[in-house]
Every structure is written in C-alpha cells, then in structure tokens.
PDB file of N, CA and C in Angstrom:
ATOM      1  N   UNK A   1     -36.184   4.311  27.299  1.00  0.00           N
ATOM      2  CA  UNK A   1     -35.943   2.953  28.050  1.00  0.00           C
ATOM      3  C   UNK A   1     -34.811   3.003  28.983  1.00  0.00           C
ATOM      4  N   UNK A   2     -35.178   2.513  30.179  1.00  0.00           N
ATOM      5  CA  UNK A   2     -34.009   2.377  31.311  1.00  0.00           C
ATOM      6  C   UNK A   2     -33.700   1.011  31.284  1.00  0.00           C
ATOM      7  N   UNK A   3     -32.206   1.187  31.344  1.00  0.00           N
ATOM      8  CA  UNK A   3     -31.306  -0.148  31.163  1.00  0.00           C
ATOM      9  C   UNK A   3     -31.380  -0.795  32.489  1.00  0.00           C
ATOM     10  N   UNK A   4     -31.609   0.049  33.562  1.00  0.00           N
ATOM     11  CA  UNK A   4     -31.697  -0.618  34.762  1.00  0.00           C
ATOM     12  C   UNK A   4     -32.757  -1.471  34.905  1.00  0.00           C
ATOM     13  N   UNK A   5     -33.775  -1.500  33.967  1.00  0.00           N
ATOM     14  CA  UNK A   5     -35.088  -2.659  34.081  1.00  0.00           C
ATOM     15  C   UNK A   5     -34.194  -4.035  33.874  1.00  0.00           C
ATOM     16  N   UNK A   6     -33.011  -4.132  33.270  1.00  0.00           N
ATOM     17  CA  UNK A   6     -32.479  -5.356  32.948  1.00  0.00           C
ATOM     18  C   UNK A   6     -32.188  -5.977  34.541  1.00  0.00           C
ATOM     19  N   UNK A   7     -31.565  -5.064  35.478  1.00  0.00           N
ATOM     20  CA  UNK A   7     -31.168  -5.538  36.766  1.00  0.00           C
ATOM     21  C   UNK A   7     -32.450  -5.723  37.405  1.00  0.00           C
ATOM     22  N   UNK A   8     -33.558  -4.997  37.330  1.00  0.00           N
ATOM     23  CA  UNK A   8     -34.811  -5.347  38.034  1.00  0.00           C
ATOM     24  C   UNK A   8     -35.655  -6.549  37.419  1.00  0.00           C
ATOM     25  N   UNK A   9     -35.243  -7.111  36.420  1.00  0.00           N
ATOM     26  CA  UNK A   9     -35.682  -8.238  35.883  1.00  0.00           C
ATOM     27  C   UNK A   9     -36.939  -7.998  34.745  1.00  0.00           C
ATOM     28  N   UNK A  10     -37.288  -6.583  34.630  1.00  0.00           N
ATOM     29  CA  UNK A  10     -38.285  -6.542  33.585  1.00  0.00           C
ATOM     30  C   UNK A  10     -37.801  -6.284  32.189  1.00  0.00           C
ATOM     31  N   UNK A  11     -36.507  -6.460  32.014  1.00  0.00           N
ATOM     32  CA  UNK A  11     -35.707  -6.312  30.538  1.00  0.00           C
ATOM     33  C   UNK A  11     -35.009  -7.569  30.465  1.00  0.00           C
ATOM     34  N   UNK A  12     -35.476  -8.492  29.443  1.00  0.00           N
ATOM     35  CA  UNK A  12     -34.686  -9.684  29.283  1.00  0.00           C
ATOM     36  C   UNK A  12     -33.194  -9.476  28.626  1.00  0.00           C
ATOM     37  N   UNK A  13     -32.328 -10.291  28.829  1.00  0.00           N
ATOM     38  CA  UNK A  13     -31.091 -10.305  28.355  1.00  0.00           C
ATOM     39  C   UNK A  13     -31.212 -10.158  26.793  1.00  0.00           C
ATOM     40  N   UNK A  14     -31.967 -11.033  26.190  1.00  0.00           N
ATOM     41  CA  UNK A  14     -32.201 -11.212  24.695  1.00  0.00           C
ATOM     42  C   UNK A  14     -32.522  -9.705  24.321  1.00  0.00           C
ATOM     43  N   UNK A  15     -33.524  -9.172  24.836  1.00  0.00           N
ATOM     44  CA  UNK A  15     -33.908  -7.763  24.349  1.00  0.00           C
ATOM     45  C   UNK A  15     -32.855  -6.740  24.591  1.00  0.00           C
ATOM     46  N   UNK A  16     -32.139  -6.851  25.662  1.00  0.00           N
ATOM     47  CA  UNK A  16     -30.956  -5.958  25.967  1.00  0.00           C
ATOM     48  C   UNK A  16     -29.950  -6.123  24.691  1.00  0.00           C
ATOM     49  N   UNK A  17     -29.483  -7.373  24.446  1.00  0.00           N
ATOM     50  CA  UNK A  17     -28.643  -7.483  23.346  1.00  0.00           C
ATOM     51  C   UNK A  17     -29.118  -7.051  21.943  1.00  0.00           C
ATOM     52  N   UNK A  18     -30.361  -7.068  21.635  1.00  0.00           N
ATOM     53  CA  UNK A  18     -31.006  -6.738  20.511  1.00  0.00           C
ATOM     54  C   UNK A  18     -30.771  -5.152  20.502  1.00  0.00           C
ATOM     55  N   UNK A  19     -31.073  -4.586  21.626  1.00  0.00           N
ATOM     56  CA  UNK A  19     -31.015  -2.986  21.519  1.00  0.00           C
ATOM     57  C   UNK A  19     -29.617  -2.736  21.387  1.00  0.00           C
ATOM     58  N   UNK A  20     -28.601  -3.146  22.100  1.00  0.00           N
ATOM     59  CA  UNK A  20     -27.283  -2.926  21.821  1.00  0.00           C
ATOM     60  C   UNK A  20     -26.709  -2.914  20.513  1.00  0.00           C
ATOM     61  N   UNK A  21     -27.149  -4.197  19.819  1.00  0.00           N
ATOM     62  CA  UNK A  21     -26.621  -4.563  18.459  1.00  0.00           C
ATOM     63  C   UNK A  21     -27.203  -3.531  17.401  1.00  0.00           C
ATOM     64  N   UNK A  22     -28.458  -3.007  17.751  1.00  0.00           N
ATOM     65  CA  UNK A  22     -29.047  -2.277  16.648  1.00  0.00           C
ATOM     66  C   UNK A  22     -29.180  -0.565  17.089  1.00  0.00           C
ATOM     67  N   UNK A  23     -28.038  -0.371  17.859  1.00  0.00           N
ATOM     68  CA  UNK A  23     -27.952   1.087  18.227  1.00  0.00           C
ATOM     69  C   UNK A  23     -27.700   2.054  17.054  1.00  0.00           C
ATOM     70  N   UNK A  24     -27.990   3.194  17.077  1.00  0.00           N
ATOM     71  CA  UNK A  24     -27.950   4.086  15.653  1.00  0.00           C
ATOM     72  C   UNK A  24     -26.398   4.372  15.593  1.00  0.00           C
ATOM     73  N   UNK A  25     -26.034   4.718  14.408  1.00  0.00           N
ATOM     74  CA  UNK A  25     -24.492   4.761  14.135  1.00  0.00           C
ATOM     75  C   UNK A  25     -23.900   5.748  14.876  1.00  0.00           C
ATOM     76  N   UNK A  26     -24.533   6.830  15.254  1.00  0.00           N
ATOM     77  CA  UNK A  26     -23.904   7.861  16.008  1.00  0.00           C
ATOM     78  C   UNK A  26     -24.134   7.726  17.460  1.00  0.00           C
ATOM     79  N   UNK A  27     -24.325   6.612  17.834  1.00  0.00           N
ATOM     80  CA  UNK A  27     -24.509   6.470  19.326  1.00  0.00           C
ATOM     81  C   UNK A  27     -23.268   6.672  20.117  1.00  0.00           C
ATOM     82  N   UNK A  28     -23.319   6.818  21.509  1.00  0.00           N
ATOM     83  CA  UNK A  28     -22.067   6.998  22.268  1.00  0.00           C
ATOM     84  C   UNK A  28     -21.269   5.629  22.308  1.00  0.00           C
ATOM     85  N   UNK A  29     -22.001   4.504  22.281  1.00  0.00           N
ATOM     86  CA  UNK A  29     -21.338   3.171  22.375  1.00  0.00           C
ATOM     87  C   UNK A  29     -20.581   2.900  20.934  1.00  0.00           C
ATOM     88  N   UNK A  30     -21.244   3.137  19.811  1.00  0.00           N
ATOM     89  CA  UNK A  30     -20.411   3.229  18.482  1.00  0.00           C
ATOM     90  C   UNK A  30     -19.414   4.079  18.486  1.00  0.00           C
ATOM     91  N   UNK A  31     -19.332   5.348  18.794  1.00  0.00           N
ATOM     92  CA  UNK A  31     -18.367   6.175  18.901  1.00  0.00           C
ATOM     93  C   UNK A  31     -17.395   5.759  19.784  1.00  0.00           C
ATOM     94  N   UNK A  32     -17.522   5.260  20.748  1.00  0.00           N
ATOM     95  CA  UNK A  32     -16.585   4.765  21.821  1.00  0.00           C
ATOM     96  C   UNK A  32     -15.804   3.290  21.024  1.00  0.00           C
ATOM     97  N   UNK A  33     -16.501   2.536  20.381  1.00  0.00           N
ATOM     98  CA  UNK A  33     -16.013   1.328  19.996  1.00  0.00           C
ATOM     99  C   UNK A  33     -15.145   1.655  18.572  1.00  0.00           C
ATOM    100  N   UNK A  34     -15.664   2.462  17.837  1.00  0.00           N
ATOM    101  CA  UNK A  34     -15.084   2.657  16.420  1.00  0.00           C
ATOM    102  C   UNK A  34     -14.660   4.161  15.990  1.00  0.00           C
ATOM    103  N   UNK A  35     -14.788   5.030  17.060  1.00  0.00           N
ATOM    104  CA  UNK A  35     -14.162   6.400  16.919  1.00  0.00           C
ATOM    105  C   UNK A  35     -14.707   7.204  15.702  1.00  0.00           C
ATOM    106  N   UNK A  36     -13.970   7.741  14.973  1.00  0.00           N
ATOM    107  CA  UNK A  36     -14.278   8.717  13.980  1.00  0.00           C
ATOM    108  C   UNK A  36     -15.043   7.924  12.893  1.00  0.00           C
ATOM    109  N   UNK A  37     -14.780   6.586  12.757  1.00  0.00           N
ATOM    110  CA  UNK A  37     -15.277   5.990  11.419  1.00  0.00           C
ATOM    111  C   UNK A  37     -16.946   5.995  11.544  1.00  0.00           C
ATOM    112  N   UNK A  38     -17.436   6.149  12.560  1.00  0.00           N
ATOM    113  CA  UNK A  38     -19.038   6.286  12.536  1.00  0.00           C
ATOM    114  C   UNK A  38     -19.554   7.607  12.079  1.00  0.00           C
ATOM    115  N   UNK A  39     -18.845   8.354  11.597  1.00  0.00           N
ATOM    116  CA  UNK A  39     -19.247   9.693  10.991  1.00  0.00           C
ATOM    117  C   UNK A  39     -19.366   9.428   9.533  1.00  0.00           C
ATOM    118  N   UNK A  40     -18.416   8.440   8.989  1.00  0.00           N
ATOM    119  CA  UNK A  40     -18.390   8.314   7.689  1.00  0.00           C
ATOM    120  C   UNK A  40     -19.181   7.155   7.256  1.00  0.00           C
ATOM    121  N   UNK A  41     -20.153   7.488   6.436  1.00  0.00           N
ATOM    122  CA  UNK A  41     -21.030   6.407   5.847  1.00  0.00           C
ATOM    123  C   UNK A  41     -20.533   6.217   4.320  1.00  0.00           C
ATOM    124  N   UNK A  42     -21.345   5.282   3.788  1.00  0.00           N
ATOM    125  CA  UNK A  42     -20.832   4.697   2.446  1.00  0.00           C
ATOM    126  C   UNK A  42     -20.601   6.068   1.480  1.00  0.00           C
ATOM    127  N   UNK A  43     -21.580   6.904   1.450  1.00  0.00           N
ATOM    128  CA  UNK A  43     -21.734   8.161   0.513  1.00  0.00           C
ATOM    129  C   UNK A  43     -20.422   9.016   0.840  1.00  0.00           C
ATOM    130  N   UNK A  44     -20.096   9.180   2.083  1.00  0.00           N
ATOM    131  CA  UNK A  44     -18.994  10.106   2.415  1.00  0.00           C
ATOM    132  C   UNK A  44     -17.701   9.335   1.845  1.00  0.00           C
ATOM    133  N   UNK A  45     -17.521   8.014   2.140  1.00  0.00           N
ATOM    134  CA  UNK A  45     -16.377   7.419   1.453  1.00  0.00           C
ATOM    135  C   UNK A  45     -16.414   7.561   0.098  1.00  0.00           C
ATOM    136  N   UNK A  46     -17.480   7.420  -0.649  1.00  0.00           N
ATOM    137  CA  UNK A  46     -17.463   7.712  -2.118  1.00  0.00           C
ATOM    138  C   UNK A  46     -17.054   8.983  -2.577  1.00  0.00           C
ATOM    139  N   UNK A  47     -17.471   9.995  -1.796  1.00  0.00           N
ATOM    140  CA  UNK A  47     -17.188  11.364  -2.103  1.00  0.00           C
ATOM    141  C   UNK A  47     -15.699  11.541  -1.985  1.00  0.00           C
ATOM    142  N   UNK A  48     -15.066  11.106  -0.911  1.00  0.00           N
ATOM    143  CA  UNK A  48     -13.621  11.102  -0.630  1.00  0.00           C
ATOM    144  C   UNK A  48     -12.838  10.331  -1.983  1.00  0.00           C
ATOM    145  N   UNK A  49     -13.473   9.069  -2.294  1.00  0.00           N
ATOM    146  CA  UNK A  49     -12.849   8.388  -3.419  1.00  0.00           C
ATOM    147  C   UNK A  49     -12.837   9.359  -4.654  1.00  0.00           C
ATOM    148  N   UNK A  50     -13.931  10.135  -4.729  1.00  0.00           N
ATOM    149  CA  UNK A  50     -14.072  10.679  -6.104  1.00  0.00           C
ATOM    150  C   UNK A  50     -13.033  12.033  -6.080  1.00  0.00           C
ATOM    151  N   UNK A  51     -13.028  12.533  -4.933  1.00  0.00           N
ATOM    152  CA  UNK A  51     -12.118  13.655  -4.786  1.00  0.00           C
ATOM    153  C   UNK A  51     -10.523  13.134  -5.084  1.00  0.00           C
ATOM    154  N   UNK A  52     -10.211  12.181  -4.570  1.00  0.00           N
ATOM    155  CA  UNK A  52      -8.926  11.515  -4.690  1.00  0.00           C
ATOM    156  C   UNK A  52      -8.769  11.239  -6.128  1.00  0.00           C
ATOM    157  N   UNK A  53      -9.704  10.624  -6.954  1.00  0.00           N
ATOM    158  CA  UNK A  53      -9.603  10.325  -8.330  1.00  0.00           C
ATOM    159  C   UNK A  53      -9.397  11.604  -9.162  1.00  0.00           C
ATOM    160  N   UNK A  54     -10.218  12.517  -8.658  1.00  0.00           N
ATOM    161  CA  UNK A  54     -10.196  13.772  -9.585  1.00  0.00           C
ATOM    162  C   UNK A  54      -8.732  14.581  -9.382  1.00  0.00           C
ATOM    163  N   UNK A  55      -8.260  14.375  -8.109  1.00  0.00           N
ATOM    164  CA  UNK A  55      -6.828  15.019  -8.109  1.00  0.00           C
ATOM    165  C   UNK A  55      -5.768  14.410  -8.945  1.00  0.00           C
ATOM    166  N   UNK A  56      -5.909  13.001  -8.800  1.00  0.00           N
ATOM    167  CA  UNK A  56      -4.900  12.106  -9.666  1.00  0.00           C
ATOM    168  C   UNK A  56      -5.294  12.533 -11.197  1.00  0.00           C
ATOM    169  N   UNK A  57      -6.390  12.681 -11.733  1.00  0.00           N
ATOM    170  CA  UNK A  57      -6.718  12.973 -12.999  1.00  0.00           C
ATOM    171  C   UNK A  57      -6.115  14.555 -13.387  1.00  0.00           C
ATOM    172  N   UNK A  58      -6.288  15.566 -12.445  1.00  0.00           N
ATOM    173  CA  UNK A  58      -5.726  16.760 -12.634  1.00  0.00           C
ATOM    174  C   UNK A  58      -4.212  16.507 -12.576  1.00  0.00           C
ATOM    175  N   UNK A  59      -3.614  15.880 -11.746  1.00  0.00           N
ATOM    176  CA  UNK A  59      -2.179  15.744 -11.837  1.00  0.00           C
ATOM    177  C   UNK A  59      -1.643  15.044 -13.002  1.00  0.00           C
ATOM    178  N   UNK A  60      -2.313  14.049 -13.596  1.00  0.00           N
ATOM    179  CA  UNK A  60      -1.961  13.515 -14.885  1.00  0.00           C
ATOM    180  C   UNK A  60      -2.022  14.413 -16.113  1.00  0.00           C
ATOM    181  N   UNK A  61      -3.126  15.418 -16.136  1.00  0.00           N
ATOM    182  CA  UNK A  61      -3.333  16.362 -17.152  1.00  0.00           C
ATOM    183  C   UNK A  61      -2.199  17.485 -17.083  1.00  0.00           C
ATOM    184  N   UNK A  62      -1.976  17.582 -15.938  1.00  0.00           N
ATOM    185  CA  UNK A  62      -0.856  18.684 -15.846  1.00  0.00           C
ATOM    186  C   UNK A  62       0.469  18.150 -16.148  1.00  0.00           C
ATOM    187  N   UNK A  63       0.898  16.913 -15.753  1.00  0.00           N
ATOM    188  CA  UNK A  63       2.010  16.333 -16.177  1.00  0.00           C
ATOM    189  C   UNK A  63       2.163  16.152 -17.617  1.00  0.00           C
ATOM    190  N   UNK A  64       1.192  15.586 -18.220  1.00  0.00           N
ATOM    191  CA  UNK A  64       1.244  15.561 -19.866  1.00  0.00           C
ATOM    192  C   UNK A  64       1.240  16.808 -20.558  1.00  0.00           C
ATOM    193  N   UNK A  65       0.738  17.915 -19.938  1.00  0.00           N
ATOM    194  CA  UNK A  65       0.690  19.070 -20.689  1.00  0.00           C
ATOM    195  C   UNK A  65       1.629  19.989 -20.245  1.00  0.00           C
ATOM    196  N   UNK A  66       2.454  19.735 -19.383  1.00  0.00           N
ATOM    197  CA  UNK A  66       3.734  20.577 -19.093  1.00  0.00           C
ATOM    198  C   UNK A  66       4.870  20.373 -19.936  1.00  0.00           C
ATOM    199  N   UNK A  67       5.717  21.221 -20.067  1.00  0.00           N
ATOM    200  CA  UNK A  67       6.931  21.235 -20.961  1.00  0.00           C
ATOM    201  C   UNK A  67       7.915  20.210 -20.481  1.00  0.00           C
ATOM    202  N   UNK A  68       8.689  19.851 -21.488  1.00  0.00           N
ATOM    203  CA  UNK A  68       9.744  18.694 -21.140  1.00  0.00           C
ATOM    204  C   UNK A  68      10.637  19.187 -20.048  1.00  0.00           C
ATOM    205  N   UNK A  69      11.171  20.377 -20.075  1.00  0.00           N
ATOM    206  CA  UNK A  69      11.980  20.958 -19.194  1.00  0.00           C
ATOM    207  C   UNK A  69      11.545  21.543 -17.881  1.00  0.00           C
ATOM    208  N   UNK A  70      10.298  21.425 -17.700  1.00  0.00           N
ATOM    209  CA  UNK A  70       9.798  21.879 -16.367  1.00  0.00           C
ATOM    210  C   UNK A  70       9.670  20.734 -15.359  1.00  0.00           C
ATOM    211  N   UNK A  71       9.698  21.117 -14.213  1.00  0.00           N
ATOM    212  CA  UNK A  71       9.692  20.064 -13.088  1.00  0.00           C
ATOM    213  C   UNK A  71       8.295  19.616 -13.003  1.00  0.00           C
ATOM    214  N   UNK A  72       8.231  18.202 -12.737  1.00  0.00           N
ATOM    215  CA  UNK A  72       7.030  17.722 -12.752  1.00  0.00           C
ATOM    216  C   UNK A  72       6.315  18.048 -11.343  1.00  0.00           C
ATOM    217  N   UNK A  73       4.970  18.173 -11.422  1.00  0.00           N
ATOM    218  CA  UNK A  73       4.137  18.643 -10.230  1.00  0.00           C
ATOM    219  C   UNK A  73       4.265  17.224  -9.288  1.00  0.00           C
ATOM    220  N   UNK A  74       3.905  17.520  -8.058  1.00  0.00           N
ATOM    221  CA  UNK A  74       3.904  16.603  -6.971  1.00  0.00           C
ATOM    222  C   UNK A  74       2.671  15.854  -7.092  1.00  0.00           C
ATOM    223  N   UNK A  75       2.765  14.620  -6.763  1.00  0.00           N
ATOM    224  CA  UNK A  75       1.722  13.661  -6.801  1.00  0.00           C
ATOM    225  C   UNK A  75       0.785  14.165  -5.688  1.00  0.00           C
ATOM    226  N   UNK A  76      -0.599  14.181  -5.801  1.00  0.00           N
ATOM    227  CA  UNK A  76      -1.364  14.544  -4.921  1.00  0.00           C
ATOM    228  C   UNK A  76      -1.452  13.496  -3.646  1.00  0.00           C
ATOM    229  N   UNK A  77      -1.775  14.106  -2.458  1.00  0.00           N
ATOM    230  CA  UNK A  77      -1.936  13.128  -1.242  1.00  0.00           C
ATOM    231  C   UNK A  77      -3.304  12.749  -1.223  1.00  0.00           C
ATOM    232  N   UNK A  78      -3.636  11.568  -0.671  1.00  0.00           N
ATOM    233  CA  UNK A  78      -4.743  10.923  -0.559  1.00  0.00           C
ATOM    234  C   UNK A  78      -5.787  11.539   0.358  1.00  0.00           C
ATOM    235  N   UNK A  79      -7.215  11.721   0.311  1.00  0.00           N
ATOM    236  CA  UNK A  79      -7.783  12.236   1.218  1.00  0.00           C
ATOM    237  C   UNK A  79      -7.851  11.386   2.540  1.00  0.00           C
ATOM    238  N   UNK A  80      -7.506  11.854   3.777  1.00  0.00           N
ATOM    239  CA  UNK A  80      -7.386  11.076   4.866  1.00  0.00           C
ATOM    240  C   UNK A  80      -8.924  10.389   5.180  1.00  0.00           C
ATOM    241  N   UNK A  81      -9.019   9.185   5.452  1.00  0.00           N
ATOM    242  CA  UNK A  81     -10.191   8.526   5.702  1.00  0.00           C
ATOM    243  C   UNK A  81     -10.062   7.604   6.948  1.00  0.00           C
ATOM    244  N   UNK A  82     -11.105   7.473   7.742  1.00  0.00           N
ATOM    245  CA  UNK A  82     -10.875   6.522   9.101  1.00  0.00           C
ATOM    246  C   UNK A  82     -10.769   5.188   8.478  1.00  0.00           C
ATOM    247  N   UNK A  83     -10.094   4.268   9.203  1.00  0.00           N
ATOM    248  CA  UNK A  83     -10.163   3.016   8.770  1.00  0.00           C
ATOM    249  C   UNK A  83      -9.082   2.615   7.740  1.00  0.00           C
ATOM    250  N   UNK A  84      -8.734   3.832   6.910  1.00  0.00           N
ATOM    251  CA  UNK A  84      -7.802   3.563   5.871  1.00  0.00           C
ATOM    252  C   UNK A  84      -6.326   4.221   6.255  1.00  0.00           C
ATOM    253  N   UNK A  85      -5.325   3.416   7.028  1.00  0.00           N
ATOM    254  CA  UNK A  85      -4.230   4.100   7.219  1.00  0.00           C
ATOM    255  C   UNK A  85      -3.449   4.326   5.939  1.00  0.00           C
ATOM    256  N   UNK A  86      -2.342   5.343   6.171  1.00  0.00           N
ATOM    257  CA  UNK A  86      -1.640   5.801   4.844  1.00  0.00           C
ATOM    258  C   UNK A  86      -0.864   4.487   4.431  1.00  0.00           C
ATOM    259  N   UNK A  87      -1.073   4.289   3.080  1.00  0.00           N
ATOM    260  CA  UNK A  87      -0.541   2.933   2.482  1.00  0.00           C
ATOM    261  C   UNK A  87       0.771   3.372   2.161  1.00  0.00           C
ATOM    262  N   UNK A  88       1.667   2.597   2.762  1.00  0.00           N
ATOM    263  CA  UNK A  88       3.109   2.733   2.313  1.00  0.00           C
ATOM    264  C   UNK A  88       3.489   1.193   1.908  1.00  0.00           C
ATOM    265  N   UNK A  89       3.881   1.015   0.591  1.00  0.00           N
ATOM    266  CA  UNK A  89       4.310  -0.271   0.307  1.00  0.00           C
ATOM    267  C   UNK A  89       5.479  -1.029   1.053  1.00  0.00           C
ATOM    268  N   UNK A  90       5.447  -2.236   1.295  1.00  0.00           N
ATOM    269  CA  UNK A  90       6.503  -2.902   2.059  1.00  0.00           C
ATOM    270  C   UNK A  90       7.745  -3.021   0.976  1.00  0.00           C
ATOM    271  N   UNK A  91       8.775  -2.860   1.469  1.00  0.00           N
ATOM    272  CA  UNK A  91       9.996  -3.049   0.395  1.00  0.00           C
ATOM    273  C   UNK A  91      10.120  -4.690   0.159  1.00  0.00           C
ATOM    274  N   UNK A  92      10.432  -4.787  -1.088  1.00  0.00           N
ATOM    275  CA  UNK A  92      10.513  -6.228  -1.429  1.00  0.00           C
ATOM    276  C   UNK A  92      11.979  -6.894  -0.804  1.00  0.00           C
ATOM    277  N   UNK A  93      11.828  -8.154  -0.378  1.00  0.00           N
ATOM    278  CA  UNK A  93      12.857  -8.745   0.351  1.00  0.00           C
ATOM    279  C   UNK A  93      14.176  -8.880  -0.569  1.00  0.00           C
ATOM    280  N   UNK A  94      15.270  -8.668   0.157  1.00  0.00           N
ATOM    281  CA  UNK A  94      16.602  -8.510  -0.648  1.00  0.00           C
ATOM    282  C   UNK A  94      16.746  -9.651  -1.580  1.00  0.00           C
ATOM    283  N   UNK A  95      16.340 -10.886  -1.125  1.00  0.00           N
ATOM    284  CA  UNK A  95      16.708 -12.263  -1.940  1.00  0.00           C
ATOM    285  C   UNK A  95      15.815 -12.269  -3.155  1.00  0.00           C
ATOM    286  N   UNK A  96      14.607 -11.405  -3.288  1.00  0.00           N
ATOM    287  CA  UNK A  96      13.783 -11.651  -4.323  1.00  0.00           C
ATOM    288  C   UNK A  96      14.098 -10.675  -5.613  1.00  0.00           C
ATOM    289  N   UNK A  97      15.212  -9.841  -5.433  1.00  0.00           N
ATOM    290  CA  UNK A  97      15.560  -8.921  -6.301  1.00  0.00           C
ATOM    291  C   UNK A  97      16.953  -9.405  -6.947  1.00  0.00           C
ATOM    292  N   UNK A  98      17.169  -9.753  -8.209  1.00  0.00           N
ATOM    293  CA  UNK A  98      18.653  -9.950  -8.619  1.00  0.00           C
ATOM    294  C   UNK A  98      19.644  -8.690  -8.353  1.00  0.00           C
ATOM    295  N   UNK A  99      20.649  -9.005  -8.162  1.00  0.00           N
ATOM    296  CA  UNK A  99      21.742  -8.026  -7.720  1.00  0.00           C
ATOM    297  C   UNK A  99      22.055  -6.931  -8.929  1.00  0.00           C
ATOM    298  N   UNK A 100      22.154  -7.617 -10.064  1.00  0.00           N
ATOM    299  CA  UNK A 100      22.314  -6.788 -11.302  1.00  0.00           C
ATOM    300  C   UNK A 100      21.360  -7.309 -12.310  1.00  0.00           C
ATOM    301  N   UNK A 101      21.015  -6.440 -13.527  1.00  0.00           N
ATOM    302  CA  UNK A 101      20.205  -6.914 -14.714  1.00  0.00           C
ATOM    303  C   UNK A 101      20.835  -8.149 -15.269  1.00  0.00           C
ATOM    304  N   UNK A 102      22.358  -8.261 -15.325  1.00  0.00           N
ATOM    305  CA  UNK A 102      22.926  -9.323 -16.048  1.00  0.00           C
ATOM    306  C   UNK A 102      22.912 -10.463 -15.276  1.00  0.00           C
ATOM    307  N   UNK A 103      22.577 -10.554 -14.037  1.00  0.00           N
ATOM    308  CA  UNK A 103      22.635 -11.845 -13.388  1.00  0.00           C
ATOM    309  C   UNK A 103      21.295 -12.625 -13.391  1.00  0.00           C
ATOM    310  N   UNK A 104      21.287 -13.838 -13.713  1.00  0.00           N
ATOM    311  CA  UNK A 104      20.171 -14.578 -13.753  1.00  0.00           C
ATOM    312  C   UNK A 104      19.459 -14.817 -12.385  1.00  0.00           C
ATOM    313  N   UNK A 105      18.332 -14.945 -12.048  1.00  0.00           N
ATOM    314  CA  UNK A 105      17.581 -15.210 -11.050  1.00  0.00           C
ATOM    315  C   UNK A 105      18.084 -16.554 -10.454  1.00  0.00           C
ATOM    316  N   UNK A 106      18.040 -16.810  -9.063  1.00  0.00           N
ATOM    317  CA  UNK A 106      18.249 -18.066  -8.609  1.00  0.00           C
ATOM    318  C   UNK A 106      16.758 -18.952  -8.515  1.00  0.00           C
ATOM    319  N   UNK A 107      17.023 -20.257  -8.557  1.00  0.00           N
ATOM    320  CA  UNK A 107      15.602 -20.989  -8.406  1.00  0.00           C
ATOM    321  C   UNK A 107      14.807 -20.444  -7.179  1.00  0.00           C
ATOM    322  N   UNK A 108      15.310 -20.080  -6.147  1.00  0.00           N
ATOM    323  CA  UNK A 108      14.733 -19.784  -4.956  1.00  0.00           C
ATOM    324  C   UNK A 108      14.074 -18.355  -5.169  1.00  0.00           C
ATOM    325  N   UNK A 109      14.626 -17.369  -5.885  1.00  0.00           N
ATOM    326  CA  UNK A 109      14.098 -16.106  -6.351  1.00  0.00           C
ATOM    327  C   UNK A 109      12.912 -16.234  -7.156  1.00  0.00           C
ATOM    328  N   UNK A 110      12.998 -17.354  -8.315  1.00  0.00           N
ATOM    329  CA  UNK A 110      11.869 -17.422  -9.167  1.00  0.00           C
ATOM    330  C   UNK A 110      10.768 -18.204  -8.388  1.00  0.00           C
ATOM    331  N   UNK A 111      11.065 -19.114  -7.672  1.00  0.00           N
ATOM    332  CA  UNK A 111       9.977 -19.572  -6.786  1.00  0.00           C
ATOM    333  C   UNK A 111       9.070 -18.674  -5.778  1.00  0.00           C
ATOM    334  N   UNK A 112      10.088 -17.704  -5.236  1.00  0.00           N
ATOM    335  CA  UNK A 112       9.266 -16.742  -4.578  1.00  0.00           C
ATOM    336  C   UNK A 112       8.414 -15.718  -5.237  1.00  0.00           C
ATOM    337  N   UNK A 113       9.203 -15.475  -6.491  1.00  0.00           N
ATOM    338  CA  UNK A 113       8.326 -14.517  -7.457  1.00  0.00           C
ATOM    339  C   UNK A 113       6.897 -15.056  -7.890  1.00  0.00           C
ATOM    340  N   UNK A 114       6.976 -16.351  -8.195  1.00  0.00           N
ATOM    341  CA  UNK A 114       5.875 -17.101  -8.661  1.00  0.00           C
ATOM    342  C   UNK A 114       4.729 -17.412  -7.873  1.00  0.00           C
ATOM    343  N   UNK A 115       5.176 -17.607  -6.523  1.00  0.00           N
ATOM    344  CA  UNK A 115       4.198 -17.958  -5.398  1.00  0.00           C
ATOM    345  C   UNK A 115       3.431 -16.940  -5.020  1.00  0.00           C
TER     346      UNK A 115
END
C-alpha cells in the first residue's frame, strides 16, 4: 500500500488511521514510539518473571541450608525488562517514624500511618 494515496485522495483518512493503529508489533512506527518494549510479548515477560522467581527460590534455599557462621549469599538481581525500571523503594518521611522505640507516635504520625 502506498501512503501517498492519502495525498492523492484515493486513501481516506479513516482508512489511514485504521492502518496506523493496527500496524504489526515489530513495525518501524511501534519501534520508534515504544523502543525495546515491542520485542517483549507476554510470554517473554512471563519467562523473565519465572527466571526471577527461580533465582529467589535458589537464594532462599542456599540461605536456609548454609551454616550459621557462613556469610549469607547476595540477593539475586532482577531480570531487566523494558517498561519496568529498577525498583528502589522511597525512604519513609522523617516525621512518620518515631525517633526511638520508647517514644509514642504523635497524632500526626498515626494519621499519616493509617491514611
């Protein structure tokens, strides 16, 4: 199909928009818009998740079966996937954590905790 037909008047705007919306996953337009994510379908994401879960299970088994005096193994790194940036938990705000275990939380800290 020649997209210049739209300029010539033999291809309607509606037909052109349908063609663009339903382009194949690995088309140049999708690759330009979404980058590396177009190469990952749902089965590839599931495979990466399975590899990650197996790595954690192996880490847990090694940790449980190692001696008490031995150094614990490093936690496995996640399989890098497009669309899932490395997760780093945000630090808790300073006013939400009591300064010491003996100090009772303030009403504001309780409200923030339960909200």
